[in-house]
Amino acid sequence: MRRYLSLTPRAEADLDAHFIYLSQKADIETALRFDTAAFASFERLCETPFVGSERQYLNTSLSDLRIWYVDGFDRYLIFYRVLDEALLIVRVLPSSRDVNSVMSDETIN
Protein backbone atom coordinates (compact mmCIF):
# COMPACT_ATOMS: atom_id res chain seq x y z
CA MET A 1 0.00 0.00 0.00
CA ARG A 2 1.40 3.38 -1.01
CA ARG A 3 1.10 6.00 1.70
CA TYR A 4 0.51 9.69 1.11
CA LEU A 5 3.21 12.19 2.06
CA SER A 6 2.89 14.60 4.97
CA LEU A 7 5.51 16.98 6.40
CA THR A 8 5.56 18.58 9.82
CA PRO A 9 6.06 22.36 9.93
CA ARG A 10 9.55 21.73 11.38
CA ALA A 11 10.45 19.47 8.45
CA GLU A 12 9.28 22.17 6.03
CA ALA A 13 11.39 24.74 7.91
CA ASP A 14 14.37 22.35 7.77
CA LEU A 15 14.04 22.05 3.99
CA ASP A 16 13.81 25.82 3.60
CA ALA A 17 16.91 26.33 5.76
CA HIS A 18 18.92 23.72 3.84
CA PHE A 19 17.87 25.28 0.52
CA ILE A 20 19.02 28.72 1.65
CA TYR A 21 22.27 27.35 3.08
CA LEU A 22 23.13 25.39 -0.08
CA SER A 23 22.25 28.29 -2.37
CA GLN A 24 24.59 30.57 -0.38
CA LYS A 25 27.45 28.13 0.30
CA ALA A 26 27.37 26.31 -3.04
CA ASP A 27 25.02 27.63 -5.73
CA ILE A 28 21.37 27.74 -6.65
CA GLU A 29 21.69 24.64 -8.86
CA THR A 30 22.91 22.59 -5.90
CA ALA A 31 20.06 23.89 -3.75
CA LEU A 32 17.55 22.97 -6.46
CA ARG A 33 19.09 19.49 -6.85
CA PHE A 34 18.82 19.03 -3.07
CA ASP A 35 15.16 20.02 -3.07
CA THR A 36 14.39 17.64 -5.94
CA ALA A 37 16.39 14.82 -4.30
CA ALA A 38 14.65 15.34 -0.95
CA PHE A 39 11.17 15.01 -2.46
CA ALA A 40 12.25 12.05 -4.61
CA SER A 41 13.53 10.38 -1.42
CA PHE A 42 10.22 11.13 0.33
CA GLU A 43 8.31 9.54 -2.55
CA ARG A 44 10.54 6.47 -2.39
CA LEU A 45 9.81 6.19 1.32
CA CYS A 46 6.07 6.41 0.60
CA GLU A 47 6.47 3.34 -1.61
CA THR A 48 8.84 1.39 0.66
CA PRO A 49 8.40 2.95 4.11
CA PHE A 50 10.20 0.31 6.16
CA VAL A 51 13.51 0.65 4.29
CA GLY A 52 14.78 3.07 6.95
CA SER A 53 16.16 1.86 10.24
CA GLU A 54 14.69 2.54 13.66
CA ARG A 55 16.74 4.42 16.24
CA GLN A 56 16.45 4.68 19.98
CA TYR A 57 15.92 8.13 21.48
CA LEU A 58 15.79 9.40 25.02
CA ASN A 59 12.49 11.06 24.07
CA THR A 60 10.05 8.11 24.21
CA SER A 61 7.53 9.87 21.94
CA LEU A 62 10.00 9.21 19.11
CA SER A 63 10.20 5.46 19.67
CA ASP A 64 8.81 4.50 16.26
CA LEU A 65 10.74 7.09 14.28
CA ARG A 66 12.77 5.80 11.34
CA ILE A 67 15.79 7.31 9.62
CA TRP A 68 16.88 7.41 5.98
CA TYR A 69 18.98 9.77 3.89
CA VAL A 70 18.38 12.21 1.07
CA ASP A 71 19.45 10.37 -2.07
CA GLY A 72 22.62 11.96 -3.45
CA PHE A 73 22.99 14.12 -0.33
CA ASP A 74 23.92 11.43 2.20
CA ARG A 75 24.87 14.02 4.81
CA TYR A 76 21.18 14.93 5.18
CA LEU A 77 19.04 12.56 7.23
CA ILE A 78 15.29 12.13 6.99
CA PHE A 79 13.48 11.35 10.23
CA TYR A 80 10.05 9.95 9.56
CA ARG A 81 7.15 8.02 11.00
CA VAL A 82 5.14 5.36 9.17
CA LEU A 83 1.43 5.82 9.81
CA ASP A 84 -1.47 3.67 8.63
CA GLU A 85 -2.14 5.71 5.50
CA ALA A 86 0.62 8.33 5.55
CA LEU A 87 4.35 8.81 5.75
CA LEU A 88 5.08 11.70 8.11
CA ILE A 89 8.39 13.50 7.58
CA VAL A 90 9.28 14.80 11.03
CA ARG A 91 12.69 16.43 10.43
CA VAL A 92 15.42 16.65 7.80
CA LEU A 93 18.75 17.27 9.51
CA PRO A 94 22.41 17.27 8.55
CA SER A 95 24.27 14.30 10.01
CA SER A 96 26.78 16.71 11.55
CA ARG A 97 24.14 17.89 14.04
CA ASP A 98 23.86 16.34 17.49
CA VAL A 99 20.69 14.45 16.59
CA ASN A 100 19.94 13.26 20.13
CA SER A 101 20.10 16.82 21.41
CA VAL A 102 17.97 18.22 18.59
CA MET A 103 15.39 15.44 18.86
CA SER A 104 15.20 15.49 22.67
CA ASP A 105 12.74 18.40 22.58
CA GLU A 106 10.83 17.21 19.53
CA THR A 107 7.08 16.78 19.90
CA ILE A 108 4.96 15.11 17.27
CA ASN A 109 1.18 15.38 17.20
PDB file of N, CA and C in Angstrom:
ATOM      1  N   MET A   1       0.835  -1.191   0.000  1.00  0.00           N
ATOM      2  CA  MET A   1       0.000   0.000   0.000  1.00  0.00           C
ATOM      3  C   MET A   1       0.881   1.257   0.000  1.00  0.00           C
ATOM      4  N   ARG A   2       0.654   2.137  -0.936  1.00  0.00           N
ATOM      5  CA  ARG A   2       1.400   3.381  -1.008  1.00  0.00           C
ATOM      6  C   ARG A   2       0.768   4.401  -0.075  1.00  0.00           C
ATOM      7  N   ARG A   3       1.576   5.007   0.753  1.00  0.00           N
ATOM      8  CA  ARG A   3       1.099   6.002   1.705  1.00  0.00           C
ATOM      9  C   ARG A   3       1.207   7.402   1.093  1.00  0.00           C
ATOM     10  N   TYR A   4       0.376   8.318   1.568  1.00  0.00           N
ATOM     11  CA  TYR A   4       0.507   9.691   1.108  1.00  0.00           C
ATOM     12  C   TYR A   4       1.546  10.404   1.958  1.00  0.00           C
ATOM     13  N   LEU A   5       2.120  11.457   1.428  1.00  0.00           N
ATOM     14  CA  LEU A   5       3.214  12.188   2.060  1.00  0.00           C
ATOM     15  C   LEU A   5       2.678  13.341   2.893  1.00  0.00           C
ATOM     16  N   SER A   6       3.220  13.483   4.098  1.00  0.00           N
ATOM     17  CA  SER A   6       2.888  14.595   4.974  1.00  0.00           C
ATOM     18  C   SER A   6       4.177  15.080   5.638  1.00  0.00           C
ATOM     19  N   LEU A   7       4.330  16.396   5.751  1.00  0.00           N
ATOM     20  CA  LEU A   7       5.507  16.975   6.402  1.00  0.00           C
ATOM     21  C   LEU A   7       5.072  17.811   7.593  1.00  0.00           C
ATOM     22  N   THR A   8       5.817  17.717   8.679  1.00  0.00           N
ATOM     23  CA  THR A   8       5.555  18.582   9.816  1.00  0.00           C
ATOM     24  C   THR A   8       6.050  19.989   9.471  1.00  0.00           C
ATOM     25  N   PRO A   9       5.548  21.000  10.160  1.00  0.00           N
ATOM     26  CA  PRO A   9       6.063  22.355   9.930  1.00  0.00           C
ATOM     27  C   PRO A   9       7.577  22.454  10.164  1.00  0.00           C
ATOM     28  N   ARG A  10       8.101  21.699  11.125  1.00  0.00           N
ATOM     29  CA  ARG A  10       9.546  21.734  11.375  1.00  0.00           C
ATOM     30  C   ARG A  10      10.319  21.116  10.223  1.00  0.00           C
ATOM     31  N   ALA A  11       9.791  20.070   9.615  1.00  0.00           N
ATOM     32  CA  ALA A  11      10.449  19.472   8.452  1.00  0.00           C
ATOM     33  C   ALA A  11      10.453  20.464   7.291  1.00  0.00           C
ATOM     34  N   GLU A  12       9.337  21.159   7.083  1.00  0.00           N
ATOM     35  CA  GLU A  12       9.280  22.169   6.029  1.00  0.00           C
ATOM     36  C   GLU A  12      10.296  23.278   6.290  1.00  0.00           C
ATOM     37  N   ALA A  13      10.410  23.703   7.551  1.00  0.00           N
ATOM     38  CA  ALA A  13      11.389  24.736   7.905  1.00  0.00           C
ATOM     39  C   ALA A  13      12.819  24.221   7.698  1.00  0.00           C
ATOM     40  N   ASP A  14      13.056  22.948   8.019  1.00  0.00           N
ATOM     41  CA  ASP A  14      14.375  22.351   7.773  1.00  0.00           C
ATOM     42  C   ASP A  14      14.729  22.429   6.293  1.00  0.00           C
ATOM     43  N   LEU A  15      13.790  22.034   5.429  1.00  0.00           N
ATOM     44  CA  LEU A  15      14.037  22.051   3.988  1.00  0.00           C
ATOM     45  C   LEU A  15      14.326  23.463   3.498  1.00  0.00           C
ATOM     46  N   ASP A  16      13.568  24.427   3.983  1.00  0.00           N
ATOM     47  CA  ASP A  16      13.811  25.823   3.601  1.00  0.00           C
ATOM     48  C   ASP A  16      15.207  26.273   4.025  1.00  0.00           C
ATOM     49  N   ALA A  17      15.591  25.935   5.245  1.00  0.00           N
ATOM     50  CA  ALA A  17      16.908  26.330   5.763  1.00  0.00           C
ATOM     51  C   ALA A  17      18.042  25.684   4.966  1.00  0.00           C
ATOM     52  N   HIS A  18      17.886  24.408   4.619  1.00  0.00           N
ATOM     53  CA  HIS A  18      18.920  23.725   3.837  1.00  0.00           C
ATOM     54  C   HIS A  18      19.015  24.318   2.432  1.00  0.00           C
ATOM     55  N   PHE A  19      17.879  24.661   1.853  1.00  0.00           N
ATOM     56  CA  PHE A  19      17.875  25.275   0.520  1.00  0.00           C
ATOM     57  C   PHE A  19      18.638  26.600   0.549  1.00  0.00           C
ATOM     58  N   ILE A  20      18.341  27.424   1.527  1.00  0.00           N
ATOM     59  CA  ILE A  20      19.021  28.723   1.652  1.00  0.00           C
ATOM     60  C   ILE A  20      20.519  28.515   1.874  1.00  0.00           C
ATOM     61  N   TYR A  21      20.864  27.622   2.788  1.00  0.00           N
ATOM     62  CA  TYR A  21      22.272  27.349   3.080  1.00  0.00           C
ATOM     63  C   TYR A  21      23.011  26.897   1.817  1.00  0.00           C
ATOM     64  N   LEU A  22      22.457  25.917   1.110  1.00  0.00           N
ATOM     65  CA  LEU A  22      23.129  25.394  -0.078  1.00  0.00           C
ATOM     66  C   LEU A  22      23.207  26.436  -1.193  1.00  0.00           C
ATOM     67  N   SER A  23      22.195  27.265  -1.327  1.00  0.00           N
ATOM     68  CA  SER A  23      22.248  28.290  -2.373  1.00  0.00           C
ATOM     69  C   SER A  23      23.304  29.345  -2.059  1.00  0.00           C
ATOM     70  N   GLN A  24      23.577  29.591  -0.770  1.00  0.00           N
ATOM     71  CA  GLN A  24      24.588  30.569  -0.376  1.00  0.00           C
ATOM     72  C   GLN A  24      25.992  29.979  -0.353  1.00  0.00           C
ATOM     73  N   LYS A  25      26.126  28.744   0.147  1.00  0.00           N
ATOM     74  CA  LYS A  25      27.447  28.132   0.300  1.00  0.00           C
ATOM     75  C   LYS A  25      27.926  27.431  -0.960  1.00  0.00           C
ATOM     76  N   ALA A  26      27.001  26.972  -1.789  1.00  0.00           N
ATOM     77  CA  ALA A  26      27.373  26.305  -3.041  1.00  0.00           C
ATOM     78  C   ALA A  26      26.845  27.179  -4.180  1.00  0.00           C
ATOM     79  N   ASP A  27      25.677  26.831  -4.694  1.00  0.00           N
ATOM     80  CA  ASP A  27      25.022  27.628  -5.735  1.00  0.00           C
ATOM     81  C   ASP A  27      23.556  27.228  -5.815  1.00  0.00           C
ATOM     82  N   ILE A  28      22.804  27.982  -6.571  1.00  0.00           N
ATOM     83  CA  ILE A  28      21.366  27.737  -6.649  1.00  0.00           C
ATOM     84  C   ILE A  28      21.064  26.384  -7.284  1.00  0.00           C
ATOM     85  N   GLU A  29      21.906  25.944  -8.221  1.00  0.00           N
ATOM     86  CA  GLU A  29      21.689  24.640  -8.859  1.00  0.00           C
ATOM     87  C   GLU A  29      21.780  23.503  -7.842  1.00  0.00           C
ATOM     88  N   THR A  30      22.755  23.607  -6.943  1.00  0.00           N
ATOM     89  CA  THR A  30      22.906  22.587  -5.897  1.00  0.00           C
ATOM     90  C   THR A  30      21.693  22.589  -4.973  1.00  0.00           C
ATOM     91  N   ALA A  31      21.230  23.780  -4.617  1.00  0.00           N
ATOM     92  CA  ALA A  31      20.056  23.888  -3.754  1.00  0.00           C
ATOM     93  C   ALA A  31      18.825  23.284  -4.433  1.00  0.00           C
ATOM     94  N   LEU A  32      18.669  23.537  -5.721  1.00  0.00           N
ATOM     95  CA  LEU A  32      17.545  22.966  -6.461  1.00  0.00           C
ATOM     96  C   LEU A  32      17.663  21.451  -6.574  1.00  0.00           C
ATOM     97  N   ARG A  33      18.885  20.943  -6.798  1.00  0.00           N
ATOM     98  CA  ARG A  33      19.088  19.491  -6.849  1.00  0.00           C
ATOM     99  C   ARG A  33      18.759  18.857  -5.506  1.00  0.00           C
ATOM    100  N   PHE A  34      19.138  19.532  -4.405  1.00  0.00           N
ATOM    101  CA  PHE A  34      18.819  19.025  -3.068  1.00  0.00           C
ATOM    102  C   PHE A  34      17.307  18.939  -2.876  1.00  0.00           C
ATOM    103  N   ASP A  35      16.607  19.994  -3.238  1.00  0.00           N
ATOM    104  CA  ASP A  35      15.158  20.018  -3.073  1.00  0.00           C
ATOM    105  C   ASP A  35      14.500  18.887  -3.869  1.00  0.00           C
ATOM    106  N   THR A  36      14.919  18.715  -5.103  1.00  0.00           N
ATOM    107  CA  THR A  36      14.391  17.641  -5.944  1.00  0.00           C
ATOM    108  C   THR A  36      14.717  16.273  -5.354  1.00  0.00           C
ATOM    109  N   ALA A  37      15.959  16.104  -4.889  1.00  0.00           N
ATOM    110  CA  ALA A  37      16.387  14.825  -4.304  1.00  0.00           C
ATOM    111  C   ALA A  37      15.628  14.521  -3.021  1.00  0.00           C
ATOM    112  N   ALA A  38      15.375  15.547  -2.208  1.00  0.00           N
ATOM    113  CA  ALA A  38      14.649  15.337  -0.952  1.00  0.00           C
ATOM    114  C   ALA A  38      13.240  14.809  -1.242  1.00  0.00           C
ATOM    115  N   PHE A  39      12.536  15.443  -2.163  1.00  0.00           N
ATOM    116  CA  PHE A  39      11.174  15.006  -2.455  1.00  0.00           C
ATOM    117  C   PHE A  39      11.138  13.666  -3.173  1.00  0.00           C
ATOM    118  N   ALA A  40      12.155  13.376  -3.988  1.00  0.00           N
ATOM    119  CA  ALA A  40      12.245  12.046  -4.606  1.00  0.00           C
ATOM    120  C   ALA A  40      12.467  10.991  -3.531  1.00  0.00           C
ATOM    121  N   SER A  41      13.288  11.305  -2.535  1.00  0.00           N
ATOM    122  CA  SER A  41      13.526  10.380  -1.419  1.00  0.00           C
ATOM    123  C   SER A  41      12.252  10.175  -0.606  1.00  0.00           C
ATOM    124  N   PHE A  42      11.490  11.245  -0.387  1.00  0.00           N
ATOM    125  CA  PHE A  42      10.219  11.129   0.333  1.00  0.00           C
ATOM    126  C   PHE A  42       9.266  10.201  -0.422  1.00  0.00           C
ATOM    127  N   GLU A  43       9.199  10.371  -1.741  1.00  0.00           N
ATOM    128  CA  GLU A  43       8.313   9.537  -2.553  1.00  0.00           C
ATOM    129  C   GLU A  43       8.749   8.072  -2.501  1.00  0.00           C
ATOM    130  N   ARG A  44      10.049   7.846  -2.510  1.00  0.00           N
ATOM    131  CA  ARG A  44      10.542   6.473  -2.390  1.00  0.00           C
ATOM    132  C   ARG A  44      10.112   5.881  -1.053  1.00  0.00           C
ATOM    133  N   LEU A  45      10.216   6.668   0.000  1.00  0.00           N
ATOM    134  CA  LEU A  45       9.812   6.191   1.319  1.00  0.00           C
ATOM    135  C   LEU A  45       8.307   5.916   1.384  1.00  0.00           C
ATOM    136  N   CYS A  46       7.508   6.681   0.650  1.00  0.00           N
ATOM    137  CA  CYS A  46       6.068   6.412   0.599  1.00  0.00           C
ATOM    138  C   CYS A  46       5.803   5.037   0.003  1.00  0.00           C
ATOM    139  N   GLU A  47       6.639   4.634  -0.948  1.00  0.00           N
ATOM    140  CA  GLU A  47       6.469   3.344  -1.612  1.00  0.00           C
ATOM    141  C   GLU A  47       7.060   2.191  -0.802  1.00  0.00           C
ATOM    142  N   THR A  48       8.179   2.430  -0.132  1.00  0.00           N
ATOM    143  CA  THR A  48       8.844   1.389   0.663  1.00  0.00           C
ATOM    144  C   THR A  48       9.193   1.973   2.037  1.00  0.00           C
ATOM    145  N   PRO A  49       8.198   2.192   2.874  1.00  0.00           N
ATOM    146  CA  PRO A  49       8.405   2.950   4.113  1.00  0.00           C
ATOM    147  C   PRO A  49       9.289   2.279   5.166  1.00  0.00           C
ATOM    148  N   PHE A  50       9.436   0.978   5.105  1.00  0.00           N
ATOM    149  CA  PHE A  50      10.201   0.313   6.160  1.00  0.00           C
ATOM    150  C   PHE A  50      11.660   0.108   5.784  1.00  0.00           C
ATOM    151  N   VAL A  51      12.117   0.761   4.706  1.00  0.00           N
ATOM    152  CA  VAL A  51      13.515   0.654   4.288  1.00  0.00           C
ATOM    153  C   VAL A  51      14.440   1.331   5.309  1.00  0.00           C
ATOM    154  N   GLY A  52      13.971   2.362   5.959  1.00  0.00           N
ATOM    155  CA  GLY A  52      14.785   3.069   6.950  1.00  0.00           C
ATOM    156  C   GLY A  52      14.886   2.295   8.244  1.00  0.00           C
ATOM    157  N   SER A  53      15.949   2.573   8.980  1.00  0.00           N
ATOM    158  CA  SER A  53      16.156   1.864  10.242  1.00  0.00           C
ATOM    159  C   SER A  53      15.565   2.651  11.410  1.00  0.00           C
ATOM    160  N   GLU A  54      15.189   1.915  12.442  1.00  0.00           N
ATOM    161  CA  GLU A  54      14.689   2.542  13.662  1.00  0.00           C
ATOM    162  C   GLU A  54      15.871   2.897  14.545  1.00  0.00           C
ATOM    163  N   ARG A  55      15.728   3.987  15.284  1.00  0.00           N
ATOM    164  CA  ARG A  55      16.744   4.419  16.239  1.00  0.00           C
ATOM    165  C   ARG A  55      16.106   4.546  17.606  1.00  0.00           C
ATOM    166  N   GLN A  56      16.922   4.483  18.615  1.00  0.00           N
ATOM    167  CA  GLN A  56      16.450   4.677  19.983  1.00  0.00           C
ATOM    168  C   GLN A  56      16.747   6.120  20.402  1.00  0.00           C
ATOM    169  N   TYR A  57      15.781   6.755  21.024  1.00  0.00           N
ATOM    170  CA  TYR A  57      15.923   8.130  21.482  1.00  0.00           C
ATOM    171  C   TYR A  57      15.577   8.203  22.957  1.00  0.00           C
ATOM    172  N   LEU A  58      16.145   9.177  23.625  1.00  0.00           N
ATOM    173  CA  LEU A  58      15.790   9.404  25.025  1.00  0.00           C
ATOM    174  C   LEU A  58      14.332   9.851  25.122  1.00  0.00           C
ATOM    175  N   ASN A  59      13.870  10.591  24.146  1.00  0.00           N
ATOM    176  CA  ASN A  59      12.488  11.058  24.070  1.00  0.00           C
ATOM    177  C   ASN A  59      11.615   9.884  23.613  1.00  0.00           C
ATOM    178  N   THR A  60      10.836   9.321  24.518  1.00  0.00           N
ATOM    179  CA  THR A  60      10.051   8.115  24.206  1.00  0.00           C
ATOM    180  C   THR A  60       8.952   8.355  23.179  1.00  0.00           C
ATOM    181  N   SER A  61       8.560   9.606  22.957  1.00  0.00           N
ATOM    182  CA  SER A  61       7.535   9.869  21.942  1.00  0.00           C
ATOM    183  C   SER A  61       8.076   9.651  20.525  1.00  0.00           C
ATOM    184  N   LEU A  62       9.377   9.434  20.409  1.00  0.00           N
ATOM    185  CA  LEU A  62      10.001   9.209  19.106  1.00  0.00           C
ATOM    186  C   LEU A  62      10.341   7.746  18.881  1.00  0.00           C
ATOM    187  N   SER A  63       9.788   6.864  19.686  1.00  0.00           N
ATOM    188  CA  SER A  63      10.202   5.459  19.671  1.00  0.00           C
ATOM    189  C   SER A  63      10.008   4.764  18.334  1.00  0.00           C
ATOM    190  N   ASP A  64       9.031   5.169  17.542  1.00  0.00           N
ATOM    191  CA  ASP A  64       8.811   4.499  16.262  1.00  0.00           C
ATOM    192  C   ASP A  64       9.317   5.318  15.071  1.00  0.00           C
ATOM    193  N   LEU A  65      10.177   6.272  15.342  1.00  0.00           N
ATOM    194  CA  LEU A  65      10.738   7.093  14.281  1.00  0.00           C
ATOM    195  C   LEU A  65      11.798   6.321  13.518  1.00  0.00           C
ATOM    196  N   ARG A  66      11.788   6.456  12.201  1.00  0.00           N
ATOM    197  CA  ARG A  66      12.770   5.797  11.337  1.00  0.00           C
ATOM    198  C   ARG A  66      13.672   6.855  10.719  1.00  0.00           C
ATOM    199  N   ILE A  67      14.816   6.398  10.200  1.00  0.00           N
ATOM    200  CA  ILE A  67      15.788   7.308   9.623  1.00  0.00           C
ATOM    201  C   ILE A  67      16.236   6.790   8.260  1.00  0.00           C
ATOM    202  N   TRP A  68      16.382   7.696   7.311  1.00  0.00           N
ATOM    203  CA  TRP A  68      16.877   7.414   5.975  1.00  0.00           C
ATOM    204  C   TRP A  68      17.667   8.627   5.540  1.00  0.00           C
ATOM    205  N   TYR A  69      18.169   8.648   4.355  1.00  0.00           N
ATOM    206  CA  TYR A  69      18.985   9.766   3.892  1.00  0.00           C
ATOM    207  C   TYR A  69      18.397  10.349   2.605  1.00  0.00           C
ATOM    208  N   VAL A  70      18.783  11.578   2.323  1.00  0.00           N
ATOM    209  CA  VAL A  70      18.382  12.210   1.069  1.00  0.00           C
ATOM    210  C   VAL A  70      19.297  11.648  -0.012  1.00  0.00           C
ATOM    211  N   ASP A  71      18.710  11.020  -1.004  1.00  0.00           N
ATOM    212  CA  ASP A  71      19.452  10.367  -2.069  1.00  0.00           C
ATOM    213  C   ASP A  71      20.359  11.372  -2.784  1.00  0.00           C
ATOM    214  N   GLY A  72      21.652  11.072  -2.820  1.00  0.00           N
ATOM    215  CA  GLY A  72      22.620  11.962  -3.450  1.00  0.00           C
ATOM    216  C   GLY A  72      23.157  13.025  -2.517  1.00  0.00           C
ATOM    217  N   PHE A  73      22.557  13.165  -1.352  1.00  0.00           N
ATOM    218  CA  PHE A  73      22.990  14.117  -0.331  1.00  0.00           C
ATOM    219  C   PHE A  73      23.027  13.356   0.999  1.00  0.00           C
ATOM    220  N   ASP A  74      23.892  12.363   1.076  1.00  0.00           N
ATOM    221  CA  ASP A  74      23.916  11.431   2.203  1.00  0.00           C
ATOM    222  C   ASP A  74      24.175  12.093   3.551  1.00  0.00           C
ATOM    223  N   ARG A  75      24.655  13.309   3.552  1.00  0.00           N
ATOM    224  CA  ARG A  75      24.871  14.020   4.812  1.00  0.00           C
ATOM    225  C   ARG A  75      23.560  14.498   5.432  1.00  0.00           C
ATOM    226  N   TYR A  76      22.481  14.459   4.680  1.00  0.00           N
ATOM    227  CA  TYR A  76      21.182  14.926   5.178  1.00  0.00           C
ATOM    228  C   TYR A  76      20.296  13.732   5.495  1.00  0.00           C
ATOM    229  N   LEU A  77      19.832  13.687   6.732  1.00  0.00           N
ATOM    230  CA  LEU A  77      19.045  12.561   7.227  1.00  0.00           C
ATOM    231  C   LEU A  77      17.570  12.924   7.323  1.00  0.00           C
ATOM    232  N   ILE A  78      16.753  11.980   6.928  1.00  0.00           N
ATOM    233  CA  ILE A  78      15.290  12.132   6.986  1.00  0.00           C
ATOM    234  C   ILE A  78      14.784  11.338   8.189  1.00  0.00           C
ATOM    235  N   PHE A  79      14.105  12.003   9.082  1.00  0.00           N
ATOM    236  CA  PHE A  79      13.484  11.348  10.234  1.00  0.00           C
ATOM    237  C   PHE A  79      11.990  11.300   9.959  1.00  0.00           C
ATOM    238  N   TYR A  80      11.443  10.094   9.962  1.00  0.00           N
ATOM    239  CA  TYR A  80      10.051   9.948   9.556  1.00  0.00           C
ATOM    240  C   TYR A  80       9.335   8.881  10.366  1.00  0.00           C
ATOM    241  N   ARG A  81       8.022   8.961  10.306  1.00  0.00           N
ATOM    242  CA  ARG A  81       7.147   8.018  10.997  1.00  0.00           C
ATOM    243  C   ARG A  81       6.208   7.400   9.966  1.00  0.00           C
ATOM    244  N   VAL A  82       6.065   6.083  10.050  1.00  0.00           N
ATOM    245  CA  VAL A  82       5.140   5.365   9.174  1.00  0.00           C
ATOM    246  C   VAL A  82       3.796   5.275   9.890  1.00  0.00           C
ATOM    247  N   LEU A  83       2.783   5.867   9.279  1.00  0.00           N
ATOM    248  CA  LEU A  83       1.427   5.817   9.811  1.00  0.00           C
ATOM    249  C   LEU A  83       0.599   4.871   8.955  1.00  0.00           C
ATOM    250  N   ASP A  84      -0.625   4.599   9.373  1.00  0.00           N
ATOM    251  CA  ASP A  84      -1.474   3.666   8.632  1.00  0.00           C
ATOM    252  C   ASP A  84      -1.606   4.035   7.162  1.00  0.00           C
ATOM    253  N   GLU A  85      -1.911   5.290   6.888  1.00  0.00           N
ATOM    254  CA  GLU A  85      -2.136   5.711   5.502  1.00  0.00           C
ATOM    255  C   GLU A  85      -1.155   6.770   5.021  1.00  0.00           C
ATOM    256  N   ALA A  86      -0.271   7.219   5.906  1.00  0.00           N
ATOM    257  CA  ALA A  86       0.623   8.325   5.555  1.00  0.00           C
ATOM    258  C   ALA A  86       2.065   8.031   5.954  1.00  0.00           C
ATOM    259  N   LEU A  87       2.943   8.784   5.345  1.00  0.00           N
ATOM    260  CA  LEU A  87       4.346   8.815   5.750  1.00  0.00           C
ATOM    261  C   LEU A  87       4.589  10.239   6.235  1.00  0.00           C
ATOM    262  N   LEU A  88       4.901  10.392   7.505  1.00  0.00           N
ATOM    263  CA  LEU A  88       5.079  11.703   8.111  1.00  0.00           C
ATOM    264  C   LEU A  88       6.564  12.022   8.211  1.00  0.00           C
ATOM    265  N   ILE A  89       7.008  13.034   7.477  1.00  0.00           N
ATOM    266  CA  ILE A  89       8.388  13.503   7.579  1.00  0.00           C
ATOM    267  C   ILE A  89       8.438  14.433   8.781  1.00  0.00           C
ATOM    268  N   VAL A  90       9.224  14.053   9.774  1.00  0.00           N
ATOM    269  CA  VAL A  90       9.282  14.803  11.026  1.00  0.00           C
ATOM    270  C   VAL A  90      10.370  15.871  10.979  1.00  0.00           C
ATOM    271  N   ARG A  91      11.561  15.498  10.541  1.00  0.00           N
ATOM    272  CA  ARG A  91      12.691  16.429  10.431  1.00  0.00           C
ATOM    273  C   ARG A  91      13.590  15.989   9.287  1.00  0.00           C
ATOM    274  N   VAL A  92      14.351  16.923   8.761  1.00  0.00           N
ATOM    275  CA  VAL A  92      15.420  16.651   7.796  1.00  0.00           C
ATOM    276  C   VAL A  92      16.622  17.411   8.323  1.00  0.00           C
ATOM    277  N   LEU A  93      17.621  16.655   8.817  1.00  0.00           N
ATOM    278  CA  LEU A  93      18.747  17.268   9.512  1.00  0.00           C
ATOM    279  C   LEU A  93      20.077  16.826   8.923  1.00  0.00           C
ATOM    280  N   PRO A  94      21.081  17.704   8.969  1.00  0.00           N
ATOM    281  CA  PRO A  94      22.408  17.270   8.549  1.00  0.00           C
ATOM    282  C   PRO A  94      22.976  16.292   9.580  1.00  0.00           C
ATOM    283  N   SER A  95      23.712  15.315   9.107  1.00  0.00           N
ATOM    284  CA  SER A  95      24.272  14.300  10.007  1.00  0.00           C
ATOM    285  C   SER A  95      25.302  14.892  10.967  1.00  0.00           C
ATOM    286  N   SER A  96      25.802  16.073  10.671  1.00  0.00           N
ATOM    287  CA  SER A  96      26.783  16.711  11.547  1.00  0.00           C
ATOM    288  C   SER A  96      26.151  17.267  12.824  1.00  0.00           C
ATOM    289  N   ARG A  97      24.835  17.390  12.848  1.00  0.00           N
ATOM    290  CA  ARG A  97      24.142  17.893  14.036  1.00  0.00           C
ATOM    291  C   ARG A  97      24.115  16.829  15.125  1.00  0.00           C
ATOM    292  N   ASP A  98      24.038  17.251  16.367  1.00  0.00           N
ATOM    293  CA  ASP A  98      23.862  16.336  17.489  1.00  0.00           C
ATOM    294  C   ASP A  98      22.384  15.948  17.506  1.00  0.00           C
ATOM    295  N   VAL A  99      22.078  14.863  16.816  1.00  0.00           N
ATOM    296  CA  VAL A  99      20.693  14.454  16.593  1.00  0.00           C
ATOM    297  C   VAL A  99      19.969  14.199  17.907  1.00  0.00           C
ATOM    298  N   ASN A 100      20.608  13.538  18.850  1.00  0.00           N
ATOM    299  CA  ASN A 100      19.939  13.258  20.130  1.00  0.00           C
ATOM    300  C   ASN A 100      19.549  14.542  20.840  1.00  0.00           C
ATOM    301  N   SER A 101      20.409  15.537  20.780  1.00  0.00           N
ATOM    302  CA  SER A 101      20.100  16.819  21.412  1.00  0.00           C
ATOM    303  C   SER A 101      18.954  17.522  20.694  1.00  0.00           C
ATOM    304  N   VAL A 102      19.018  17.559  19.378  1.00  0.00           N
ATOM    305  CA  VAL A 102      17.965  18.218  18.594  1.00  0.00           C
ATOM    306  C   VAL A 102      16.630  17.520  18.799  1.00  0.00           C
ATOM    307  N   MET A 103      16.636  16.205  18.785  1.00  0.00           N
ATOM    308  CA  MET A 103      15.390  15.445  18.859  1.00  0.00           C
ATOM    309  C   MET A 103      14.854  15.329  20.291  1.00  0.00           C
ATOM    310  N   SER A 104      15.651  15.654  21.292  1.00  0.00           N
ATOM    311  CA  SER A 104      15.201  15.490  22.671  1.00  0.00           C
ATOM    312  C   SER A 104      13.986  16.364  22.997  1.00  0.00           C
ATOM    313  N   ASP A 105      13.861  17.502  22.328  1.00  0.00           N
ATOM    314  CA  ASP A 105      12.739  18.403  22.579  1.00  0.00           C
ATOM    315  C   ASP A 105      11.631  18.283  21.539  1.00  0.00           C
ATOM    316  N   GLU A 106      11.787  17.350  20.624  1.00  0.00           N
ATOM    317  CA  GLU A 106      10.825  17.207  19.527  1.00  0.00           C
ATOM    318  C   GLU A 106       9.494  16.672  20.046  1.00  0.00           C
ATOM    319  N   THR A 107       8.427  17.279  19.593  1.00  0.00           N
ATOM    320  CA  THR A 107       7.085  16.778  19.902  1.00  0.00           C
ATOM    321  C   THR A 107       6.364  16.566  18.581  1.00  0.00           C
ATOM    322  N   ILE A 108       5.673  15.452  18.486  1.00  0.00           N
ATOM    323  CA  ILE A 108       4.958  15.109  17.272  1.00  0.00           C
ATOM    324  C   ILE A 108       3.508  14.879  17.633  1.00  0.00           C
ATOM    325  N   ASN A 109       2.623  15.560  16.943  1.00  0.00           N
ATOM    326  CA  ASN A 109       1.179  15.381  17.204  1.00  0.00           C
ATOM    327  C   ASN A 109       0.672  14.126  16.584  1.00  0.00           C
TER     328      ASN A 109
END
